[in-house]
Amino acid sequence: MNLEILTPDKKVFEGEVSAVTVPGTLGSFQILKGHAPIISTLEDGPLKVQNSKGEETFKIKGGVVEVLDDKIIVLAEAVIA
């Protein structure tokens, strides 16, 4: 799967991933290969990415996630270092 994490300022991450866990408005949920198409709002919290290097965590400040055809786009208000 391909993941892009974007903020209004820049592209924070782009690459192949095996799983992504996002802080959804009604609770966190995980996106795996073959996930059904979805658009969901996101709360402030950790966005966990699993890829060939292990697990990376990004702290996001709200936003939206879209999943379509194994491509995940996260539009975050901000990513806190």
PDB file of N, CA and C in Angstrom:
ATOM      1  N   MET A   1       0.839  -1.181   0.000  1.00  0.00           N
ATOM      2  CA  MET A   1       0.000   0.000   0.000  1.00  0.00           C
ATOM      3  C   MET A   1       0.878   1.236   0.000  1.00  0.00           C
ATOM      4  N   ASN A   2       0.358   2.284  -0.586  1.00  0.00           N
ATOM      5  CA  ASN A   2       1.091   3.547  -0.615  1.00  0.00           C
ATOM      6  C   ASN A   2       0.425   4.533   0.339  1.00  0.00           C
ATOM      7  N   LEU A   3       1.231   5.210   1.155  1.00  0.00           N
ATOM      8  CA  LEU A   3       0.726   6.187   2.117  1.00  0.00           C
ATOM      9  C   LEU A   3       1.340   7.549   1.844  1.00  0.00           C
ATOM     10  N   GLU A   4       0.491   8.582   1.882  1.00  0.00           N
ATOM     11  CA  GLU A   4       0.954   9.970   1.832  1.00  0.00           C
ATOM     12  C   GLU A   4       0.378  10.684   3.049  1.00  0.00           C
ATOM     13  N   ILE A   5       1.239  11.392   3.782  1.00  0.00           N
ATOM     14  CA  ILE A   5       0.794  12.239   4.891  1.00  0.00           C
ATOM     15  C   ILE A   5       1.114  13.673   4.492  1.00  0.00           C
ATOM     16  N   LEU A   6       0.071  14.483   4.371  1.00  0.00           N
ATOM     17  CA  LEU A   6       0.227  15.860   3.908  1.00  0.00           C
ATOM     18  C   LEU A   6      -0.298  16.838   4.948  1.00  0.00           C
ATOM     19  N   THR A   7       0.372  17.984   5.065  1.00  0.00           N
ATOM     20  CA  THR A   7      -0.121  19.108   5.858  1.00  0.00           C
ATOM     21  C   THR A   7      -0.246  20.297   4.896  1.00  0.00           C
ATOM     22  N   PRO A   8      -0.852  21.389   5.312  1.00  0.00           N
ATOM     23  CA  PRO A   8      -0.918  22.551   4.416  1.00  0.00           C
ATOM     24  C   PRO A   8       0.463  23.063   3.996  1.00  0.00           C
ATOM     25  N   ASP A   9       1.489  22.784   4.815  1.00  0.00           N
ATOM     26  CA  ASP A   9       2.831  23.291   4.542  1.00  0.00           C
ATOM     27  C   ASP A   9       3.684  22.378   3.669  1.00  0.00           C
ATOM     28  N   LYS A  10       3.554  21.047   3.873  1.00  0.00           N
ATOM     29  CA  LYS A  10       4.495  20.142   3.210  1.00  0.00           C
ATOM     30  C   LYS A  10       3.994  18.704   3.194  1.00  0.00           C
ATOM     31  N   LYS A  11       4.719  17.879   2.443  1.00  0.00           N
ATOM     32  CA  LYS A  11       4.490  16.443   2.450  1.00  0.00           C
ATOM     33  C   LYS A  11       5.380  15.864   3.539  1.00  0.00           C
ATOM     34  N   VAL A  12       4.784  15.236   4.543  1.00  0.00           N
ATOM     35  CA  VAL A  12       5.511  14.740   5.699  1.00  0.00           C
ATOM     36  C   VAL A  12       6.066  13.334   5.449  1.00  0.00           C
ATOM     37  N   PHE A  13       5.301  12.510   4.717  1.00  0.00           N
ATOM     38  CA  PHE A  13       5.710  11.123   4.479  1.00  0.00           C
ATOM     39  C   PHE A  13       5.094  10.636   3.180  1.00  0.00           C
ATOM     40  N   GLU A  14       5.867   9.838   2.436  1.00  0.00           N
ATOM     41  CA  GLU A  14       5.333   9.125   1.279  1.00  0.00           C
ATOM     42  C   GLU A  14       6.109   7.837   1.142  1.00  0.00           C
ATOM     43  N   GLY A  15       5.397   6.723   1.015  1.00  0.00           N
ATOM     44  CA  GLY A  15       6.089   5.464   0.843  1.00  0.00           C
ATOM     45  C   GLY A  15       5.178   4.262   0.991  1.00  0.00           C
ATOM     46  N   GLU A  16       5.780   3.089   0.794  1.00  0.00           N
ATOM     47  CA  GLU A  16       5.064   1.821   0.910  1.00  0.00           C
ATOM     48  C   GLU A  16       4.956   1.427   2.381  1.00  0.00           C
ATOM     49  N   VAL A  17       3.781   0.974   2.780  1.00  0.00           N
ATOM     50  CA  VAL A  17       3.532   0.560   4.162  1.00  0.00           C
ATOM     51  C   VAL A  17       2.754  -0.748   4.166  1.00  0.00           C
ATOM     52  N   SER A  18       2.820  -1.458   5.294  1.00  0.00           N
ATOM     53  CA  SER A  18       2.040  -2.689   5.424  1.00  0.00           C
ATOM     54  C   SER A  18       0.801  -2.487   6.286  1.00  0.00           C
ATOM     55  N   ALA A  19       0.809  -1.475   7.171  1.00  0.00           N
ATOM     56  CA  ALA A  19      -0.342  -1.177   8.024  1.00  0.00           C
ATOM     57  C   ALA A  19      -0.247   0.261   8.524  1.00  0.00           C
ATOM     58  N   VAL A  20      -1.414   0.870   8.727  1.00  0.00           N
ATOM     59  CA  VAL A  20      -1.487   2.232   9.261  1.00  0.00           C
ATOM     60  C   VAL A  20      -2.599   2.255  10.309  1.00  0.00           C
ATOM     61  N   THR A  21      -2.306   2.822  11.478  1.00  0.00           N
ATOM     62  CA  THR A  21      -3.325   2.999  12.514  1.00  0.00           C
ATOM     63  C   THR A  21      -3.535   4.496  12.697  1.00  0.00           C
ATOM     64  N   VAL A  22      -4.801   4.931  12.555  1.00  0.00           N
ATOM     65  CA  VAL A  22      -5.121   6.349  12.622  1.00  0.00           C
ATOM     66  C   VAL A  22      -6.080   6.636  13.777  1.00  0.00           C
ATOM     67  N   PRO A  23      -6.008   7.869  14.341  1.00  0.00           N
ATOM     68  CA  PRO A  23      -6.913   8.240  15.441  1.00  0.00           C
ATOM     69  C   PRO A  23      -8.241   8.771  14.905  1.00  0.00           C
ATOM     70  N   GLY A  24      -9.171   7.891  14.588  1.00  0.00           N
ATOM     71  CA  GLY A  24     -10.469   8.290  14.062  1.00  0.00           C
ATOM     72  C   GLY A  24     -11.293   9.026  15.109  1.00  0.00           C
ATOM     73  N   THR A  25     -12.299   9.745  14.657  1.00  0.00           N
ATOM     74  CA  THR A  25     -13.162  10.514  15.553  1.00  0.00           C
ATOM     75  C   THR A  25     -13.879   9.616  16.559  1.00  0.00           C
ATOM     76  N   LEU A  26     -14.263   8.398  16.123  1.00  0.00           N
ATOM     77  CA  LEU A  26     -14.965   7.466  17.010  1.00  0.00           C
ATOM     78  C   LEU A  26     -14.036   6.405  17.586  1.00  0.00           C
ATOM     79  N   GLY A  27     -12.743   6.642  17.508  1.00  0.00           N
ATOM     80  CA  GLY A  27     -11.757   5.683  18.015  1.00  0.00           C
ATOM     81  C   GLY A  27     -10.755   5.331  16.938  1.00  0.00           C
ATOM     82  N   SER A  28      -9.602   4.851  17.350  1.00  0.00           N
ATOM     83  CA  SER A  28      -8.570   4.552  16.364  1.00  0.00           C
ATOM     84  C   SER A  28      -8.933   3.288  15.595  1.00  0.00           C
ATOM     85  N   PHE A  29      -8.457   3.214  14.344  1.00  0.00           N
ATOM     86  CA  PHE A  29      -8.678   2.024  13.536  1.00  0.00           C
ATOM     87  C   PHE A  29      -7.475   1.790  12.640  1.00  0.00           C
ATOM     88  N   GLN A  30      -7.334   0.529  12.216  1.00  0.00           N
ATOM     89  CA  GLN A  30      -6.173   0.128  11.427  1.00  0.00           C
ATOM     90  C   GLN A  30      -6.582  -0.108   9.977  1.00  0.00           C
ATOM     91  N   ILE A  31      -5.701   0.284   9.075  1.00  0.00           N
ATOM     92  CA  ILE A  31      -5.914   0.099   7.645  1.00  0.00           C
ATOM     93  C   ILE A  31      -4.882  -0.910   7.152  1.00  0.00           C
ATOM     94  N   LEU A  32      -5.361  -1.978   6.544  1.00  0.00           N
ATOM     95  CA  LEU A  32      -4.499  -3.024   5.989  1.00  0.00           C
ATOM     96  C   LEU A  32      -4.751  -3.136   4.494  1.00  0.00           C
ATOM     97  N   LYS A  33      -3.898  -3.889   3.799  1.00  0.00           N
ATOM     98  CA  LYS A  33      -4.045  -4.101   2.361  1.00  0.00           C
ATOM     99  C   LYS A  33      -5.447  -4.625   2.062  1.00  0.00           C
ATOM    100  N   GLY A  34      -6.073  -4.074   1.029  1.00  0.00           N
ATOM    101  CA  GLY A  34      -7.402  -4.508   0.631  1.00  0.00           C
ATOM    102  C   GLY A  34      -8.540  -3.863   1.422  1.00  0.00           C
ATOM    103  N   HIS A  35      -8.231  -2.845   2.238  1.00  0.00           N
ATOM    104  CA  HIS A  35      -9.257  -2.162   3.039  1.00  0.00           C
ATOM    105  C   HIS A  35     -10.323  -1.568   2.115  1.00  0.00           C
ATOM    106  N   ALA A  36     -11.550  -1.617   2.553  1.00  0.00           N
ATOM    107  CA  ALA A  36     -12.654  -1.020   1.799  1.00  0.00           C
ATOM    108  C   ALA A  36     -12.441   0.491   1.669  1.00  0.00           C
ATOM    109  N   PRO A  37     -12.929   1.085   0.575  1.00  0.00           N
ATOM    110  CA  PRO A  37     -12.815   2.541   0.426  1.00  0.00           C
ATOM    111  C   PRO A  37     -13.490   3.243   1.602  1.00  0.00           C
ATOM    112  N   ILE A  38     -12.834   4.289   2.112  1.00  0.00           N
ATOM    113  CA  ILE A  38     -13.371   5.009   3.270  1.00  0.00           C
ATOM    114  C   ILE A  38     -12.831   6.435   3.271  1.00  0.00           C
ATOM    115  N   ILE A  39     -13.644   7.333   3.805  1.00  0.00           N
ATOM    116  CA  ILE A  39     -13.200   8.692   4.128  1.00  0.00           C
ATOM    117  C   ILE A  39     -13.634   8.919   5.565  1.00  0.00           C
ATOM    118  N   SER A  40     -12.712   9.356   6.424  1.00  0.00           N
ATOM    119  CA  SER A  40     -13.023   9.534   7.837  1.00  0.00           C
ATOM    120  C   SER A  40     -12.302  10.755   8.383  1.00  0.00           C
ATOM    121  N   THR A  41     -12.942  11.420   9.341  1.00  0.00           N
ATOM    122  CA  THR A  41     -12.282  12.526  10.032  1.00  0.00           C
ATOM    123  C   THR A  41     -11.358  11.950  11.106  1.00  0.00           C
ATOM    124  N   LEU A  42     -10.325  12.710  11.440  1.00  0.00           N
ATOM    125  CA  LEU A  42      -9.337  12.280  12.419  1.00  0.00           C
ATOM    126  C   LEU A  42      -9.264  13.264  13.576  1.00  0.00           C
ATOM    127  N   GLU A  43      -8.960  12.730  14.748  1.00  0.00           N
ATOM    128  CA  GLU A  43      -8.751  13.525  15.952  1.00  0.00           C
ATOM    129  C   GLU A  43      -7.252  13.759  16.144  1.00  0.00           C
ATOM    130  N   ASP A  44      -6.896  14.582  17.114  1.00  0.00           N
ATOM    131  CA  ASP A  44      -5.503  14.730  17.512  1.00  0.00           C
ATOM    132  C   ASP A  44      -5.040  13.401  18.092  1.00  0.00           C
ATOM    133  N   GLY A  45      -3.830  12.970  17.744  1.00  0.00           N
ATOM    134  CA  GLY A  45      -3.318  11.735  18.315  1.00  0.00           C
ATOM    135  C   GLY A  45      -2.245  11.095  17.463  1.00  0.00           C
ATOM    136  N   PRO A  46      -1.838   9.890  17.851  1.00  0.00           N
ATOM    137  CA  PRO A  46      -0.751   9.214  17.139  1.00  0.00           C
ATOM    138  C   PRO A  46      -1.236   8.519  15.874  1.00  0.00           C
ATOM    139  N   LEU A  47      -0.472   8.667  14.810  1.00  0.00           N
ATOM    140  CA  LEU A  47      -0.692   7.945  13.565  1.00  0.00           C
ATOM    141  C   LEU A  47       0.485   6.984  13.430  1.00  0.00           C
ATOM    142  N   LYS A  48       0.213   5.684  13.499  1.00  0.00           N
ATOM    143  CA  LYS A  48       1.283   4.682  13.495  1.00  0.00           C
ATOM    144  C   LYS A  48       1.394   4.041  12.127  1.00  0.00           C
ATOM    145  N   VAL A  49       2.633   3.996  11.622  1.00  0.00           N
ATOM    146  CA  VAL A  49       2.915   3.463  10.299  1.00  0.00           C
ATOM    147  C   VAL A  49       3.846   2.267  10.445  1.00  0.00           C
ATOM    148  N   GLN A  50       3.471   1.138   9.865  1.00  0.00           N
ATOM    149  CA  GLN A  50       4.346  -0.032   9.849  1.00  0.00           C
ATOM    150  C   GLN A  50       4.852  -0.232   8.432  1.00  0.00           C
ATOM    151  N   ASN A  51       6.180  -0.255   8.303  1.00  0.00           N
ATOM    152  CA  ASN A  51       6.786  -0.492   6.997  1.00  0.00           C
ATOM    153  C   ASN A  51       7.998  -1.396   7.159  1.00  0.00           C
ATOM    154  N   SER A  52       8.783  -1.531   6.116  1.00  0.00           N
ATOM    155  CA  SER A  52       9.927  -2.446   6.159  1.00  0.00           C
ATOM    156  C   SER A  52      10.977  -2.040   7.192  1.00  0.00           C
ATOM    157  N   LYS A  53      10.981  -0.773   7.626  1.00  0.00           N
ATOM    158  CA  LYS A  53      11.950  -0.286   8.620  1.00  0.00           C
ATOM    159  C   LYS A  53      11.462  -0.486  10.053  1.00  0.00           C
ATOM    160  N   GLY A  54      10.225  -0.953  10.217  1.00  0.00           N
ATOM    161  CA  GLY A  54       9.651  -1.099  11.556  1.00  0.00           C
ATOM    162  C   GLY A  54       8.431  -0.217  11.694  1.00  0.00           C
ATOM    163  N   GLU A  55       8.276   0.365  12.888  1.00  0.00           N
ATOM    164  CA  GLU A  55       7.118   1.223  13.137  1.00  0.00           C
ATOM    165  C   GLU A  55       7.556   2.657  13.369  1.00  0.00           C
ATOM    166  N   GLU A  56       6.869   3.583  12.703  1.00  0.00           N
ATOM    167  CA  GLU A  56       7.091   5.016  12.895  1.00  0.00           C
ATOM    168  C   GLU A  56       5.801   5.610  13.440  1.00  0.00           C
ATOM    169  N   THR A  57       5.910   6.596  14.308  1.00  0.00           N
ATOM    170  CA  THR A  57       4.719   7.250  14.852  1.00  0.00           C
ATOM    171  C   THR A  57       4.802   8.746  14.572  1.00  0.00           C
ATOM    172  N   PHE A  58       3.709   9.277  14.042  1.00  0.00           N
ATOM    173  CA  PHE A  58       3.578  10.708  13.793  1.00  0.00           C
ATOM    174  C   PHE A  58       2.453  11.209  14.682  1.00  0.00           C
ATOM    175  N   LYS A  59       2.669  12.329  15.350  1.00  0.00           N
ATOM    176  CA  LYS A  59       1.627  12.922  16.200  1.00  0.00           C
ATOM    177  C   LYS A  59       0.896  13.958  15.347  1.00  0.00           C
ATOM    178  N   ILE A  60      -0.365  13.671  14.999  1.00  0.00           N
ATOM    179  CA  ILE A  60      -1.089  14.589  14.126  1.00  0.00           C
ATOM    180  C   ILE A  60      -2.083  15.425  14.908  1.00  0.00           C
ATOM    181  N   LYS A  61      -2.432  16.552  14.322  1.00  0.00           N
ATOM    182  CA  LYS A  61      -3.412  17.460  14.911  1.00  0.00           C
ATOM    183  C   LYS A  61      -4.615  17.486  13.971  1.00  0.00           C
ATOM    184  N   GLY A  62      -5.552  16.570  14.172  1.00  0.00           N
ATOM    185  CA  GLY A  62      -6.771  16.519  13.375  1.00  0.00           C
ATOM    186  C   GLY A  62      -6.544  16.332  11.891  1.00  0.00           C
ATOM    187  N   GLY A  63      -7.628  16.109  11.161  1.00  0.00           N
ATOM    188  CA  GLY A  63      -7.528  15.990   9.725  1.00  0.00           C
ATOM    189  C   GLY A  63      -8.525  15.003   9.150  1.00  0.00           C
ATOM    190  N   VAL A  64      -8.178  14.475   7.970  1.00  0.00           N
ATOM    191  CA  VAL A  64      -9.038  13.564   7.224  1.00  0.00           C
ATOM    192  C   VAL A  64      -8.175  12.471   6.615  1.00  0.00           C
ATOM    193  N   VAL A  65      -8.717  11.235   6.532  1.00  0.00           N
ATOM    194  CA  VAL A  65      -8.023  10.151   5.854  1.00  0.00           C
ATOM    195  C   VAL A  65      -8.934   9.621   4.749  1.00  0.00           C
ATOM    196  N   GLU A  66      -8.320   9.299   3.603  1.00  0.00           N
ATOM    197  CA  GLU A  66      -9.039   8.673   2.498  1.00  0.00           C
ATOM    198  C   GLU A  66      -8.296   7.411   2.099  1.00  0.00           C
ATOM    199  N   VAL A  67      -9.038   6.313   1.932  1.00  0.00           N
ATOM    200  CA  VAL A  67      -8.468   5.046   1.479  1.00  0.00           C
ATOM    201  C   VAL A  67      -9.200   4.648   0.205  1.00  0.00           C
ATOM    202  N   LEU A  68      -8.438   4.385  -0.869  1.00  0.00           N
ATOM    203  CA  LEU A  68      -9.022   3.967  -2.134  1.00  0.00           C
ATOM    204  C   LEU A  68      -7.980   3.178  -2.921  1.00  0.00           C
ATOM    205  N   ASP A  69      -8.305   1.946  -3.276  1.00  0.00           N
ATOM    206  CA  ASP A  69      -7.423   1.093  -4.083  1.00  0.00           C
ATOM    207  C   ASP A  69      -6.012   0.981  -3.489  1.00  0.00           C
ATOM    208  N   ASP A  70      -5.919   0.672  -2.211  1.00  0.00           N
ATOM    209  CA  ASP A  70      -4.639   0.501  -1.512  1.00  0.00           C
ATOM    210  C   ASP A  70      -3.768   1.753  -1.536  1.00  0.00           C
ATOM    211  N   LYS A  71      -4.377   2.924  -1.697  1.00  0.00           N
ATOM    212  CA  LYS A  71      -3.669   4.193  -1.563  1.00  0.00           C
ATOM    213  C   LYS A  71      -4.319   4.950  -0.412  1.00  0.00           C
ATOM    214  N   ILE A  72      -3.506   5.374   0.549  1.00  0.00           N
ATOM    215  CA  ILE A  72      -3.995   6.069   1.739  1.00  0.00           C
ATOM    216  C   ILE A  72      -3.466   7.496   1.696  1.00  0.00           C
ATOM    217  N   ILE A  73      -4.373   8.447   1.817  1.00  0.00           N
ATOM    218  CA  ILE A  73      -3.978   9.856   1.875  1.00  0.00           C
ATOM    219  C   ILE A  73      -4.472  10.423   3.198  1.00  0.00           C
ATOM    220  N   VAL A  74      -3.555  10.955   3.992  1.00  0.00           N
ATOM    221  CA  VAL A  74      -3.891  11.606   5.257  1.00  0.00           C
ATOM    222  C   VAL A  74      -3.632  13.098   5.076  1.00  0.00           C
ATOM    223  N   LEU A  75      -4.697  13.887   5.227  1.00  0.00           N
ATOM    224  CA  LEU A  75      -4.575  15.345   5.188  1.00  0.00           C
ATOM    225  C   LEU A  75      -4.685  15.811   6.640  1.00  0.00           C
ATOM    226  N   ALA A  76      -3.554  16.141   7.239  1.00  0.00           N
ATOM    227  CA  ALA A  76      -3.517  16.541   8.646  1.00  0.00           C
ATOM    228  C   ALA A  76      -3.393  18.050   8.762  1.00  0.00           C
ATOM    229  N   GLU A  77      -4.033  18.610   9.796  1.00  0.00           N
ATOM    230  CA  GLU A  77      -3.903  20.053  10.041  1.00  0.00           C
ATOM    231  C   GLU A  77      -2.446  20.385  10.363  1.00  0.00           C
ATOM    232  N   ALA A  78      -1.785  19.509  11.120  1.00  0.00           N
ATOM    233  CA  ALA A  78      -0.377  19.697  11.479  1.00  0.00           C
ATOM    234  C   ALA A  78       0.190  18.385  11.960  1.00  0.00           C
ATOM    235  N   VAL A  79       1.503  18.242  11.865  1.00  0.00           N
ATOM    236  CA  VAL A  79       2.220  17.117  12.446  1.00  0.00           C
ATOM    237  C   VAL A  79       3.182  17.702  13.473  1.00  0.00           C
ATOM    238  N   ILE A  80       3.029  17.253  14.727  1.00  0.00           N
ATOM    239  CA  ILE A  80       3.837  17.800  15.815  1.00  0.00           C
ATOM    240  C   ILE A  80       5.079  16.936  15.988  1.00  0.00           C
ATOM    241  N   ALA A  81       6.233  17.571  16.029  1.00  0.00           N
ATOM    242  CA  ALA A  81       7.503  16.832  16.117  1.00  0.00           C
ATOM    243  C   ALA A  81       7.715  16.236  17.492  1.00  0.00           C
TER     244      ALA A  81
END
